[in-house]
Amino acid sequence: MLCQMAAVLLCAVCLVPGESDAATKSDVGYNVLLPRPCPADVIIDRRDLVVRYLPSGKLWLNAEQLDEDGLRSRLQAALTTRAEKLVWIAADEHVSYGEVLSVISTLKQDTPDLHIALATKAQTGPVDPTDIEFTKTQLNAKLGISMLCVRLPPEKSALQ
């Protein structure tokens, strides 16, 4: 279901009414990145910022549960020292795409040059860090955000 949500989010944030080219820059919506498994020859040194969105509005930044204001503050502080402003969004399959889109919108307003990568349950396993299956999944070398890569658009790209 989360994969379907990612597809709907992609449509909701990338396509502009009346436009046939999703890569065209517009004043409406946000572009998101859909990750793929990293090639086997890629060496990964990660300090990922992962926002996990759970039912009832529970938000996590990496291993810390925060309210929305706390998330925004911590994320802005973490991003100020980074050249690559990339945040991973992993939403529970029971969270509506509208709620996820609202969080994405807020994060983009706070940091306009932010890149958002949507990760699906099929790619990461369970989203809730308090779920016993979450810990087991993180030990699986074939799952998890640490196994995913995205290609950021060039600086002057229409995707920004």
Foldseek 3Di string as FASTA:
>chain_A
DQVVLVVVLQCQAQDDPPDPDSLAADPGGAHAWEWDFDPPPDDDDDPAFEWEAEPPRWIDTVPRTDHLVVVLVVLVVVCVPDPQQEHEYEYAPPDHSVVVRVSVVVNCVSPVVHHYYYDYCVAAPGRDPVDPVNVVSVPDPRHHPSRIDTDDDPPPGSND
